[in-house]
Protein backbone atom coordinates (compact mmCIF):
# COMPACT_ATOMS: atom_id res chain seq x y z
CA MET A 1 194.61 76.59 8.60
CA GLY A 2 191.89 76.23 11.33
CA PHE A 3 191.62 79.81 13.06
CA SER A 4 189.89 82.83 13.45
CA ALA A 5 190.57 85.88 15.55
CA ILE A 6 189.31 88.88 17.48
CA ILE A 7 190.71 92.16 17.96
CA TYR A 8 190.08 94.09 20.84
CA ASP A 9 191.49 97.20 22.37
CA THR A 10 193.69 95.29 24.45
CA HIS A 11 194.11 91.81 23.61
CA ALA A 12 193.44 88.72 20.46
CA GLN A 13 190.88 86.08 21.41
CA VAL A 14 192.06 83.18 19.22
CA PHE A 15 189.74 79.99 18.57
CA ILE A 16 191.31 76.73 17.22
CA SER A 17 189.16 74.27 15.23
CA GLY A 18 189.78 71.26 12.54
CA THR A 19 188.28 68.47 10.97
CA SER A 20 189.22 65.82 13.34
CA LEU A 21 190.47 65.68 16.39
CA GLN A 22 194.06 64.59 14.95
CA ASP A 23 193.75 67.85 12.89
CA PHE A 24 193.04 70.07 15.93
CA ASN A 25 195.29 68.53 17.95
CA GLU A 26 198.09 69.49 14.87
CA GLN A 27 196.40 73.17 14.73
CA LEU A 28 196.72 73.64 18.55
CA GLU A 29 200.30 73.02 18.77
CA TRP A 30 201.72 75.15 15.79
CA PHE A 31 199.36 77.77 17.90
CA ARG A 32 201.27 77.07 20.94
CA ASP A 33 205.18 76.64 18.99
CA THR A 34 204.09 80.53 17.21
CA ILE A 35 202.49 82.33 20.26
CA ALA A 36 204.99 82.96 23.55
CA PRO A 37 203.95 81.17 26.18
CA SER A 38 203.69 84.97 27.98
CA ASP A 39 201.37 86.31 25.17
CA ARG A 40 199.21 83.66 25.70
CA ARG A 41 196.51 82.22 28.39
CA TYR A 42 193.12 80.27 27.58
CA ASP A 43 190.61 81.41 28.51
CA PRO A 44 187.99 78.35 29.66
CA ASP A 45 184.41 80.33 29.85
CA HIS A 46 184.66 81.56 26.14
CA LYS A 47 187.13 78.62 24.84
CA ALA A 48 189.92 80.41 23.68
CA TRP A 49 193.63 81.55 23.73
CA ILE A 50 193.84 85.18 25.03
CA VAL A 51 197.12 86.58 23.22
CA LYS A 52 198.11 89.58 24.60
CA PRO A 53 200.43 91.38 23.00
CA TYR A 54 198.68 90.97 19.78
CA GLU A 55 201.16 93.48 17.79
CA LYS A 56 203.50 91.24 18.27
CA TYR A 57 201.64 88.78 15.80
CA MET A 58 200.46 90.72 13.21
CA ASP A 59 202.63 88.76 9.97
CA LEU A 60 200.03 86.01 10.83
CA PRO A 61 197.25 86.04 8.65
CA TYR A 62 194.48 85.23 10.52
CA MET A 63 195.46 87.80 12.88
CA GLN A 64 195.73 90.31 9.55
CA ILE A 65 192.26 89.41 8.71
CA ALA A 66 190.75 90.02 11.95
CA LEU A 67 192.37 93.40 12.50
CA GLU A 68 190.51 93.94 8.91
CA ASN A 69 187.16 92.96 9.98
CA ARG A 70 187.91 95.50 13.58
CA ARG A 71 188.60 98.08 11.01
CA LYS A 72 185.42 97.69 8.91
CA GLN A 73 183.53 97.17 11.94
CA LEU A 74 184.39 100.40 13.11
CA SER A 75 183.69 102.38 10.17
CA LEU A 76 180.19 101.07 10.04
CA PHE A 77 179.31 104.03 10.83
CA GLU A 78 180.62 107.86 10.72
CA PRO A 79 179.07 110.53 12.06
CA ALA A 80 178.00 111.57 8.68
CA GLU A 81 175.97 108.36 8.64
CA ILE A 82 174.66 108.62 11.77
CA ILE A 83 172.86 111.93 10.74
CA GLN A 84 171.69 111.37 7.68
């Protein structure tokens, strides 16, 4: 799938890509079928979909990857590492 996401404290930003226009349109249609209209809006400045609340969609692989990436990012600078 042509999806990637970044999870923030209050929402997720989801980016959609495709290898062709047809592929992109199929990915977009799948996204619209999967995420409820009340839970998504398009942000033209970032060219991404804002999903809120993202917790409802944690069964999606790209959301799980985004959450894992966020966990790793937050653990990069633990207090013991900063002091040393």
